Amino acid sequence: MTQRMDAVVIGGGQAGLAAGCHLRRLGIEYVVLDAHPAPGARRGTWPTTSTAGPSSTR
């Protein structure tokens, strides 16, 4: 079976899922491709995010 998509999002992490959300809001057909079986699977692999950016709670 072949299905045509308007966009392909590479990576199902936080940024890839956010991109998919925006594409859906725009009515664009898309698919998210990721090496992991579950979306956002790498999310819990970092030991800490306290220095990741302006949203840190330090």
Protein backbone atom coordinates (compact mmCIF):
# COMPACT_ATOMS: atom_id res chain seq x y z
CA MET A 1 0.00 0.00 0.00
CA THR A 2 1.31 3.42 -0.94
CA GLN A 3 0.05 6.57 0.73
CA ARG A 4 1.06 10.08 -0.30
CA MET A 5 1.96 12.62 2.39
CA ASP A 6 2.67 16.34 2.05
CA ALA A 7 5.36 16.30 4.76
CA VAL A 8 7.66 13.86 6.53
CA VAL A 9 8.85 14.64 10.07
CA ILE A 10 12.09 12.85 10.93
CA GLY A 11 12.23 12.06 14.64
CA GLY A 12 9.43 11.48 17.11
CA GLY A 13 10.95 13.38 20.01
CA GLN A 14 9.61 16.57 21.51
CA ALA A 15 10.42 18.75 18.48
CA GLY A 16 9.10 16.19 15.99
CA LEU A 17 5.82 15.79 17.86
CA ALA A 18 5.47 19.58 18.10
CA ALA A 19 6.06 19.84 14.34
CA GLY A 20 3.36 17.24 13.78
CA CYS A 21 0.96 19.21 15.96
CA HIS A 22 1.53 22.38 13.93
CA LEU A 23 1.18 20.49 10.63
CA ARG A 24 -2.13 19.02 11.78
CA ARG A 25 -3.42 22.47 12.77
CA LEU A 26 -2.57 23.66 9.26
CA GLY A 27 -4.40 20.69 7.71
CA ILE A 28 -1.22 19.24 6.18
CA GLU A 29 -0.98 15.46 5.71
CA TYR A 30 2.19 14.19 7.41
CA VAL A 31 3.91 11.17 8.87
CA VAL A 32 6.41 11.03 11.75
CA LEU A 33 9.30 8.58 11.30
CA ASP A 34 11.41 7.54 14.28
CA ALA A 35 13.78 4.70 15.14
CA HIS A 36 12.01 4.06 18.45
CA PRO A 37 8.70 2.18 18.61
CA ALA A 38 6.97 4.73 20.89
CA PRO A 39 6.64 8.48 20.28
CA GLY A 40 8.85 10.61 22.51
CA ALA A 41 10.80 7.48 23.56
CA ARG A 42 14.07 9.34 24.15
CA ARG A 43 12.44 11.94 26.37
CA GLY A 44 13.48 10.26 29.62
CA THR A 45 17.08 9.49 28.68
CA TRP A 46 18.70 12.75 29.82
CA PRO A 47 19.93 12.74 33.43
CA THR A 48 18.72 16.32 34.00
CA THR A 49 17.20 19.21 32.13
CA SER A 50 17.82 21.86 34.79
CA THR A 51 20.36 23.67 32.57
CA ALA A 52 18.57 23.10 29.26
CA GLY A 53 17.40 26.64 28.74
CA PRO A 54 15.31 29.57 29.89
CA SER A 55 12.56 27.36 31.31
CA SER A 56 14.86 25.81 33.92
CA THR A 57 13.73 26.11 37.53
CA ARG A 58 17.10 26.76 39.14
